Amino acid sequence: MSMYSDLEEGILAGLKMDSALSGVATFSNELRECLFTGEKLTQGFRPEELPAIRATAQEKPSTSAPFSVGEIACTIPVTVIVITRGGTKQEAHERALALQEPLLANLQSMRKSGNGLGLNTYLIGDTSATSLVIEEKPIHFALATVEAQFLKVVQL
């Protein structure tokens, strides 16, 4: 596994333990052809897999710099997406926001040691959150996105 997939798995493991996210059916770092099914039933998250949370640690544009003797500090951008569905735009949106709030709180707890992400891995800097509702008649899907950056110190 790479440091990117290790980070994704660590974030998802922390989110799975959060009782406020117990209603989430799927926690994934799997890259799918699309986020929700619509006409592509086999390529996206199926209705029984929703709500879902998907974490992606991005290889680019990550940065690295010397940290101490024999160590490099890597800054890794991470995107976590909540995917929900509802019969109306408002219902889908409310479901996504209800999960986005505890997701943000959980990520904030990853700023300190003992966060379950492994040695020398922390959330740093600002986090940002957005949401979007997509109509796929007769169902509406909502995507609530959280963007964050993690610092991971690795041995040379």
N, C-alpha and C. Protein backbone atom coordinates (compact mmCIF):
# COMPACT_ATOMS: atom_id res chain seq x y z
N MET A 1 0.84 -1.19 0.00
CA MET A 1 0.00 0.00 0.00
C MET A 1 0.88 1.25 0.00
N SER A 2 0.39 2.30 -0.60
CA SER A 2 1.11 3.56 -0.63
C SER A 2 0.70 4.42 0.55
N MET A 3 1.44 5.51 0.76
CA MET A 3 1.06 6.41 1.86
C MET A 3 -0.30 7.04 1.59
N TYR A 4 -0.68 7.15 0.32
CA TYR A 4 -1.97 7.73 -0.04
C TYR A 4 -3.11 6.79 0.34
N SER A 5 -2.99 5.51 -0.03
CA SER A 5 -4.04 4.56 0.33
C SER A 5 -4.05 4.30 1.83
N ASP A 6 -2.88 4.33 2.47
CA ASP A 6 -2.83 4.20 3.94
C ASP A 6 -3.60 5.34 4.60
N LEU A 7 -3.42 6.56 4.09
CA LEU A 7 -4.12 7.72 4.64
C LEU A 7 -5.63 7.59 4.43
N GLU A 8 -6.04 7.19 3.23
CA GLU A 8 -7.47 6.98 2.96
C GLU A 8 -8.07 5.96 3.92
N GLU A 9 -7.39 4.82 4.06
CA GLU A 9 -7.89 3.77 4.96
C GLU A 9 -7.96 4.24 6.40
N GLY A 10 -6.96 5.01 6.84
CA GLY A 10 -6.97 5.54 8.21
C GLY A 10 -8.12 6.50 8.44
N ILE A 11 -8.36 7.38 7.48
CA ILE A 11 -9.48 8.33 7.60
C ILE A 11 -10.80 7.58 7.66
N LEU A 12 -10.98 6.62 6.75
CA LEU A 12 -12.23 5.86 6.73
C LEU A 12 -12.43 5.05 8.02
N ALA A 13 -11.35 4.48 8.55
CA ALA A 13 -11.45 3.72 9.81
C ALA A 13 -11.92 4.63 10.94
N GLY A 14 -11.38 5.86 10.99
CA GLY A 14 -11.80 6.82 12.01
C GLY A 14 -13.26 7.22 11.85
N LEU A 15 -13.70 7.39 10.61
CA LEU A 15 -15.09 7.78 10.36
C LEU A 15 -16.05 6.64 10.71
N LYS A 16 -15.65 5.40 10.44
CA LYS A 16 -16.51 4.24 10.74
C LYS A 16 -16.79 4.12 12.23
N MET A 17 -15.86 4.56 13.06
CA MET A 17 -16.02 4.44 14.52
C MET A 17 -16.88 5.55 15.10
N ASP A 18 -17.21 6.56 14.31
CA ASP A 18 -17.98 7.71 14.79
C ASP A 18 -19.46 7.34 14.84
N SER A 19 -20.06 7.34 16.03
CA SER A 19 -21.47 6.96 16.17
C SER A 19 -22.39 7.92 15.43
N ALA A 20 -21.97 9.17 15.23
CA ALA A 20 -22.79 10.13 14.49
C ALA A 20 -22.89 9.77 13.01
N LEU A 21 -22.01 8.88 12.54
CA LEU A 21 -22.03 8.45 11.14
C LEU A 21 -22.49 7.00 11.01
N SER A 22 -23.15 6.49 12.05
CA SER A 22 -23.58 5.09 12.05
C SER A 22 -24.62 4.77 10.97
N GLY A 23 -25.30 5.78 10.45
CA GLY A 23 -26.29 5.56 9.40
C GLY A 23 -25.69 5.44 8.01
N VAL A 24 -24.38 5.60 7.89
CA VAL A 24 -23.73 5.51 6.58
C VAL A 24 -23.61 4.03 6.20
N ALA A 25 -24.08 3.70 5.01
CA ALA A 25 -24.08 2.31 4.55
C ALA A 25 -22.72 1.89 3.98
N THR A 26 -22.01 2.81 3.35
CA THR A 26 -20.76 2.46 2.66
C THR A 26 -19.67 3.48 2.94
N PHE A 27 -18.51 2.98 3.33
CA PHE A 27 -17.30 3.80 3.46
C PHE A 27 -16.33 3.25 2.42
N SER A 28 -15.85 4.10 1.52
CA SER A 28 -15.08 3.59 0.40
C SER A 28 -13.95 4.52 0.00
N ASN A 29 -12.87 3.94 -0.49
CA ASN A 29 -11.84 4.70 -1.18
C ASN A 29 -11.68 4.16 -2.59
N GLU A 30 -12.62 3.33 -2.99
CA GLU A 30 -12.62 2.73 -4.32
C GLU A 30 -12.99 3.77 -5.37
N LEU A 31 -12.23 3.80 -6.45
CA LEU A 31 -12.52 4.71 -7.55
C LEU A 31 -13.55 4.05 -8.46
N ARG A 32 -14.71 4.66 -8.56
CA ARG A 32 -15.78 4.13 -9.39
C ARG A 32 -15.95 5.01 -10.61
N GLU A 33 -16.62 4.48 -11.62
CA GLU A 33 -16.83 5.23 -12.86
C GLU A 33 -17.72 6.45 -12.64
N CYS A 34 -18.61 6.38 -11.67
CA CYS A 34 -19.45 7.52 -11.33
C CYS A 34 -19.82 7.41 -9.86
N LEU A 35 -20.30 8.50 -9.26
CA LEU A 35 -20.60 8.48 -7.83
C LEU A 35 -21.96 7.91 -7.51
N PHE A 36 -22.93 8.13 -8.39
CA PHE A 36 -24.25 7.57 -8.14
C PHE A 36 -24.74 6.94 -9.43
N THR A 37 -25.73 6.10 -9.31
CA THR A 37 -26.04 5.21 -10.41
C THR A 37 -26.74 5.86 -11.58
N GLY A 38 -27.89 6.46 -11.39
CA GLY A 38 -28.62 6.95 -12.55
C GLY A 38 -28.80 5.82 -13.53
N GLU A 39 -28.36 6.01 -14.75
CA GLU A 39 -28.48 4.97 -15.77
C GLU A 39 -27.32 3.97 -15.73
N LYS A 40 -26.27 4.27 -14.97
CA LYS A 40 -25.10 3.40 -14.91
C LYS A 40 -25.14 2.57 -13.64
N LEU A 41 -26.11 1.71 -13.52
CA LEU A 41 -26.38 0.98 -12.29
C LEU A 41 -25.17 0.21 -11.77
N THR A 42 -24.38 -0.36 -12.64
CA THR A 42 -23.28 -1.19 -12.18
C THR A 42 -22.01 -0.39 -11.90
N GLN A 43 -22.00 0.90 -12.24
CA GLN A 43 -20.77 1.67 -12.12
C GLN A 43 -20.71 2.60 -10.92
N GLY A 44 -21.83 2.95 -10.33
CA GLY A 44 -21.84 3.89 -9.22
C GLY A 44 -22.29 3.23 -7.93
N PHE A 45 -22.56 4.04 -6.93
CA PHE A 45 -23.09 3.54 -5.67
C PHE A 45 -24.55 3.17 -5.88
N ARG A 46 -24.91 1.94 -5.58
CA ARG A 46 -26.29 1.48 -5.72
C ARG A 46 -27.14 2.03 -4.58
N PRO A 47 -28.46 2.09 -4.75
CA PRO A 47 -29.32 2.65 -3.70
C PRO A 47 -29.08 2.04 -2.31
N GLU A 48 -28.84 0.74 -2.24
CA GLU A 48 -28.63 0.11 -0.94
C GLU A 48 -27.27 0.45 -0.34
N GLU A 49 -26.37 1.05 -1.13
CA GLU A 49 -25.06 1.47 -0.63
C GLU A 49 -25.07 2.91 -0.13
N LEU A 50 -26.20 3.59 -0.23
CA LEU A 50 -26.29 4.99 0.18
C LEU A 50 -27.01 5.13 1.51
N PRO A 51 -26.65 6.09 2.32
CA PRO A 51 -25.62 7.10 2.09
C PRO A 51 -24.22 6.47 2.11
N ALA A 52 -23.32 7.12 1.40
CA ALA A 52 -21.95 6.63 1.29
C ALA A 52 -20.98 7.77 1.57
N ILE A 53 -19.79 7.39 2.03
CA ILE A 53 -18.70 8.34 2.21
C ILE A 53 -17.50 7.78 1.45
N ARG A 54 -16.91 8.63 0.63
CA ARG A 54 -15.75 8.23 -0.17
C ARG A 54 -14.60 9.18 0.14
N ALA A 55 -13.44 8.60 0.45
CA ALA A 55 -12.25 9.40 0.75
C ALA A 55 -11.21 9.19 -0.34
N THR A 56 -10.59 10.29 -0.76
CA THR A 56 -9.55 10.23 -1.77
C THR A 56 -8.37 11.10 -1.35
N ALA A 57 -7.21 10.48 -1.18
CA ALA A 57 -5.97 11.21 -0.95
C ALA A 57 -5.33 11.40 -2.32
N GLN A 58 -5.08 12.64 -2.67
CA GLN A 58 -4.64 12.93 -4.03
C GLN A 58 -3.12 13.00 -4.12
N GLU A 59 -2.59 12.27 -5.08
CA GLU A 59 -1.15 12.25 -5.27
C GLU A 59 -0.65 13.59 -5.78
N LYS A 60 -1.45 14.25 -6.56
CA LYS A 60 -1.10 15.58 -7.07
C LYS A 60 -2.26 16.50 -6.78
N PRO A 61 -2.08 17.66 -6.31
CA PRO A 61 -0.83 18.38 -6.10
C PRO A 61 -0.31 18.26 -4.68
N SER A 62 0.31 17.17 -4.31
CA SER A 62 0.92 17.07 -3.00
C SER A 62 2.31 17.70 -3.06
N THR A 63 2.81 18.10 -1.90
CA THR A 63 4.14 18.71 -1.84
C THR A 63 4.96 17.99 -0.78
N SER A 64 6.26 18.13 -0.88
CA SER A 64 7.13 17.55 0.14
C SER A 64 8.29 18.50 0.38
N ALA A 65 8.85 18.43 1.60
CA ALA A 65 9.97 19.27 1.98
C ALA A 65 10.75 18.57 3.07
N PRO A 66 12.05 18.86 3.19
CA PRO A 66 12.82 18.28 4.28
C PRO A 66 12.18 18.62 5.63
N PHE A 67 12.18 17.67 6.54
CA PHE A 67 11.57 17.88 7.86
C PHE A 67 12.64 17.87 8.95
N SER A 68 13.36 16.79 9.04
CA SER A 68 14.51 16.68 9.94
C SER A 68 15.47 15.71 9.29
N VAL A 69 16.55 15.40 9.94
CA VAL A 69 17.54 14.51 9.35
C VAL A 69 16.89 13.16 9.04
N GLY A 70 16.90 12.81 7.78
CA GLY A 70 16.36 11.51 7.36
C GLY A 70 14.85 11.47 7.24
N GLU A 71 14.18 12.62 7.26
CA GLU A 71 12.72 12.64 7.16
C GLU A 71 12.25 13.69 6.16
N ILE A 72 11.13 13.41 5.54
CA ILE A 72 10.49 14.36 4.62
C ILE A 72 9.05 14.54 5.08
N ALA A 73 8.59 15.79 5.06
CA ALA A 73 7.19 16.10 5.39
C ALA A 73 6.42 16.24 4.08
N CYS A 74 5.39 15.42 3.92
CA CYS A 74 4.55 15.45 2.72
C CYS A 74 3.20 16.07 3.08
N THR A 75 2.76 17.02 2.29
CA THR A 75 1.44 17.62 2.45
C THR A 75 0.54 16.99 1.39
N ILE A 76 -0.53 16.33 1.85
CA ILE A 76 -1.38 15.55 0.96
C ILE A 76 -2.80 16.10 1.00
N PRO A 77 -3.32 16.58 -0.14
CA PRO A 77 -4.72 17.02 -0.20
C PRO A 77 -5.65 15.80 -0.15
N VAL A 78 -6.72 15.93 0.61
CA VAL A 78 -7.70 14.86 0.74
C VAL A 78 -9.09 15.42 0.48
N THR A 79 -9.89 14.68 -0.26
CA THR A 79 -11.28 15.03 -0.49
C THR A 79 -12.15 13.91 0.07
N VAL A 80 -13.11 14.28 0.89
CA VAL A 80 -14.07 13.31 1.43
C VAL A 80 -15.45 13.74 0.94
N ILE A 81 -16.16 12.82 0.29
CA ILE A 81 -17.46 13.12 -0.30
C ILE A 81 -18.54 12.28 0.38
N VAL A 82 -19.61 12.95 0.78
CA VAL A 82 -20.81 12.28 1.29
C VAL A 82 -21.80 12.23 0.13
N ILE A 83 -22.36 11.07 -0.14
CA ILE A 83 -23.33 10.90 -1.22
C ILE A 83 -24.64 10.41 -0.61
N THR A 84 -25.70 11.16 -0.82
CA THR A 84 -27.02 10.77 -0.32
C THR A 84 -28.04 10.88 -1.44
N ARG A 85 -29.22 10.36 -1.19
CA ARG A 85 -30.32 10.49 -2.15
C ARG A 85 -31.59 10.78 -1.39
N GLY A 86 -32.55 11.37 -2.09
CA GLY A 86 -33.83 11.69 -1.50
C GLY A 86 -34.88 11.90 -2.58
N GLY A 87 -36.12 11.92 -2.16
CA GLY A 87 -37.22 12.12 -3.10
C GLY A 87 -37.34 13.56 -3.58
N THR A 88 -36.81 14.51 -2.80
CA THR A 88 -36.82 15.92 -3.19
C THR A 88 -35.40 16.48 -3.05
N LYS A 89 -35.17 17.62 -3.67
CA LYS A 89 -33.86 18.26 -3.54
C LYS A 89 -33.56 18.57 -2.08
N GLN A 90 -34.56 19.10 -1.37
CA GLN A 90 -34.37 19.47 0.03
C GLN A 90 -34.04 18.26 0.89
N GLU A 91 -34.74 17.16 0.67
CA GLU A 91 -34.50 15.94 1.44
C GLU A 91 -33.07 15.43 1.22
N ALA A 92 -32.65 15.37 -0.02
CA ALA A 92 -31.29 14.91 -0.32
C ALA A 92 -30.25 15.84 0.30
N HIS A 93 -30.49 17.14 0.18
CA HIS A 93 -29.57 18.14 0.73
C HIS A 93 -29.47 18.03 2.25
N GLU A 94 -30.59 17.92 2.93
CA GLU A 94 -30.60 17.82 4.39
C GLU A 94 -29.89 16.56 4.86
N ARG A 95 -30.08 15.46 4.14
CA ARG A 95 -29.39 14.21 4.51
C ARG A 95 -27.87 14.36 4.39
N ALA A 96 -27.44 15.02 3.33
CA ALA A 96 -26.00 15.21 3.14
C ALA A 96 -25.42 16.12 4.22
N LEU A 97 -26.09 17.21 4.52
CA LEU A 97 -25.59 18.14 5.54
C LEU A 97 -25.58 17.50 6.92
N ALA A 98 -26.55 16.63 7.19
CA ALA A 98 -26.61 15.95 8.49
C ALA A 98 -25.40 15.04 8.69
N LEU A 99 -24.79 14.58 7.61
CA LEU A 99 -23.59 13.75 7.71
C LEU A 99 -22.31 14.58 7.57
N GLN A 100 -22.40 15.69 6.87
CA GLN A 100 -21.22 16.52 6.67
C GLN A 100 -20.74 17.15 7.98
N GLU A 101 -21.67 17.54 8.83
CA GLU A 101 -21.29 18.18 10.10
C GLU A 101 -20.46 17.25 10.99
N PRO A 102 -20.93 16.00 11.28
CA PRO A 102 -20.08 15.13 12.10
C PRO A 102 -18.80 14.70 11.37
N LEU A 103 -18.84 14.65 10.05
CA LEU A 103 -17.64 14.34 9.28
C LEU A 103 -16.58 15.41 9.52
N LEU A 104 -16.97 16.67 9.45
CA LEU A 104 -16.04 17.77 9.72
C LEU A 104 -15.48 17.69 11.13
N ALA A 105 -16.35 17.43 12.09
CA ALA A 105 -15.89 17.33 13.49
C ALA A 105 -14.90 16.18 13.65
N ASN A 106 -15.18 15.06 13.00
CA ASN A 106 -14.28 13.91 13.08
C ASN A 106 -12.93 14.25 12.47
N LEU A 107 -12.92 14.91 11.32
CA LEU A 107 -11.66 15.29 10.70
C LEU A 107 -10.87 16.26 11.60
N GLN A 108 -11.58 17.18 12.25
CA GLN A 108 -10.90 18.13 13.15
C GLN A 108 -10.17 17.39 14.28
N SER A 109 -10.73 16.28 14.72
CA SER A 109 -10.08 15.51 15.79
C SER A 109 -8.78 14.87 15.32
N MET A 110 -8.56 14.85 14.01
CA MET A 110 -7.33 14.27 13.46
C MET A 110 -6.17 15.26 13.46
N ARG A 111 -6.35 16.40 14.12
CA ARG A 111 -5.28 17.39 14.25
C ARG A 111 -4.29 17.02 15.36
N LYS A 112 -4.63 16.05 16.19
CA LYS A 112 -3.78 15.72 17.34
C LYS A 112 -3.22 14.31 17.21
N SER A 113 -2.22 14.02 18.01
CA SER A 113 -1.62 12.69 17.99
C SER A 113 -2.62 11.68 18.54
N GLY A 114 -2.38 10.43 18.25
CA GLY A 114 -3.29 9.38 18.68
C GLY A 114 -4.57 9.38 17.87
N ASN A 115 -4.49 9.85 16.64
CA ASN A 115 -5.69 9.98 15.81
C ASN A 115 -5.99 8.74 14.98
N GLY A 116 -5.18 7.71 15.05
CA GLY A 116 -5.43 6.49 14.32
C GLY A 116 -4.93 6.51 12.88
N LEU A 117 -4.28 7.58 12.47
CA LEU A 117 -3.78 7.68 11.10
C LEU A 117 -2.36 7.18 10.95
N GLY A 118 -1.75 6.81 12.04
CA GLY A 118 -0.36 6.37 11.99
C GLY A 118 0.56 7.43 12.53
N LEU A 119 1.78 7.04 12.74
CA LEU A 119 2.78 7.92 13.32
C LEU A 119 3.03 9.13 12.42
N ASN A 120 3.05 10.30 13.02
CA ASN A 120 3.38 11.55 12.34
C ASN A 120 2.46 11.88 11.16
N THR A 121 1.17 11.68 11.34
CA THR A 121 0.19 12.04 10.32
C THR A 121 -0.91 12.85 10.98
N TYR A 122 -1.12 14.08 10.48
CA TYR A 122 -2.05 15.01 11.11
C TYR A 122 -2.81 15.80 10.06
N LEU A 123 -4.02 16.25 10.44
CA LEU A 123 -4.74 17.24 9.65
C LEU A 123 -4.09 18.59 9.93
N ILE A 124 -3.85 19.37 8.88
CA ILE A 124 -3.27 20.69 9.04
C ILE A 124 -4.09 21.71 8.26
N GLY A 125 -3.91 22.97 8.58
CA GLY A 125 -4.52 24.04 7.80
C GLY A 125 -6.04 24.08 7.86
N ASP A 126 -6.60 24.78 6.90
CA ASP A 126 -8.04 24.97 6.83
C ASP A 126 -8.74 23.78 6.18
N THR A 127 -9.99 23.61 6.54
CA THR A 127 -10.85 22.66 5.83
C THR A 127 -11.93 23.49 5.14
N SER A 128 -12.44 22.98 4.04
CA SER A 128 -13.55 23.66 3.36
C SER A 128 -14.63 22.65 3.05
N ALA A 129 -15.86 23.12 3.04
CA ALA A 129 -17.00 22.24 2.81
C ALA A 129 -17.93 22.88 1.79
N THR A 130 -18.46 22.05 0.89
CA THR A 130 -19.44 22.49 -0.10
C THR A 130 -20.50 21.42 -0.24
N SER A 131 -21.61 21.79 -0.85
CA SER A 131 -22.64 20.80 -1.14
C SER A 131 -23.29 21.12 -2.47
N LEU A 132 -23.85 20.09 -3.08
CA LEU A 132 -24.45 20.20 -4.40
C LEU A 132 -25.57 19.17 -4.50
N VAL A 133 -26.70 19.56 -5.09
CA VAL A 133 -27.79 18.62 -5.32
C VAL A 133 -27.93 18.42 -6.83
N ILE A 134 -28.04 17.16 -7.22
CA ILE A 134 -28.16 16.80 -8.64
C ILE A 134 -29.48 16.06 -8.84
N GLU A 135 -30.25 16.51 -9.80
CA GLU A 135 -31.54 15.88 -10.07
C GLU A 135 -31.35 14.77 -11.10
N GLU A 136 -31.77 13.58 -10.74
CA GLU A 136 -31.75 12.42 -11.63
C GLU A 136 -33.13 11.79 -11.49
N LYS A 137 -34.13 12.40 -12.16
CA LYS A 137 -35.54 12.07 -11.94
C LYS A 137 -35.78 10.58 -11.87
N PRO A 138 -36.58 10.12 -10.95
CA PRO A 138 -37.35 10.85 -9.95
C PRO A 138 -36.59 11.06 -8.63
N ILE A 139 -35.33 10.68 -8.59
CA ILE A 139 -34.53 10.76 -7.37
C ILE A 139 -33.60 11.97 -7.45
N HIS A 140 -33.27 12.53 -6.30
CA HIS A 140 -32.29 13.61 -6.21
C HIS A 140 -31.10 13.11 -5.40
N PHE A 141 -29.92 13.43 -5.86
CA PHE A 141 -28.69 13.05 -5.17
C PHE A 141 -28.03 14.31 -4.63
N ALA A 142 -27.42 14.19 -3.46
CA ALA A 142 -26.68 15.32 -2.89
C ALA A 142 -25.25 14.87 -2.63
N LEU A 143 -24.33 15.76 -2.94
CA LEU A 143 -22.92 15.53 -2.68
C LEU A 143 -22.45 16.62 -1.72
N ALA A 144 -21.97 16.21 -0.57
CA ALA A 144 -21.40 17.14 0.39
C ALA A 144 -19.90 16.84 0.43
N THR A 145 -19.10 17.81 0.08
CA THR A 145 -17.66 17.60 -0.06
C THR A 145 -16.89 18.34 1.02
N VAL A 146 -15.88 17.69 1.56
CA VAL A 146 -14.97 18.32 2.51
C VAL A 146 -13.57 18.19 1.94
N GLU A 147 -12.88 19.32 1.85
CA GLU A 147 -11.50 19.35 1.37
C GLU A 147 -10.59 19.64 2.57
N ALA A 148 -9.50 18.90 2.67
CA ALA A 148 -8.57 19.08 3.79
C ALA A 148 -7.16 18.74 3.33
N GLN A 149 -6.19 19.09 4.17
CA GLN A 149 -4.80 18.73 3.89
C GLN A 149 -4.22 18.02 5.10
N PHE A 150 -3.44 16.98 4.82
CA PHE A 150 -2.80 16.22 5.88
C PHE A 150 -1.30 16.30 5.71
N LEU A 151 -0.60 16.35 6.84
CA LEU A 151 0.85 16.31 6.86
C LEU A 151 1.25 14.91 7.27
N LYS A 152 2.11 14.30 6.50
CA LYS A 152 2.63 12.98 6.83
C LYS A 152 4.14 13.04 6.75
N VAL A 153 4.82 12.72 7.85
CA VAL A 153 6.26 12.72 7.89
C VAL A 153 6.72 11.28 7.64
N VAL A 154 7.57 11.12 6.62
CA VAL A 154 8.06 9.79 6.24
C VAL A 154 9.57 9.72 6.36
N GLN A 155 10.06 8.53 6.63
CA GLN A 155 11.50 8.29 6.72
C GLN A 155 12.08 8.16 5.32
N LEU A 156 13.28 8.66 5.14
CA LEU A 156 13.96 8.49 3.85
C LEU A 156 14.52 7.09 3.73
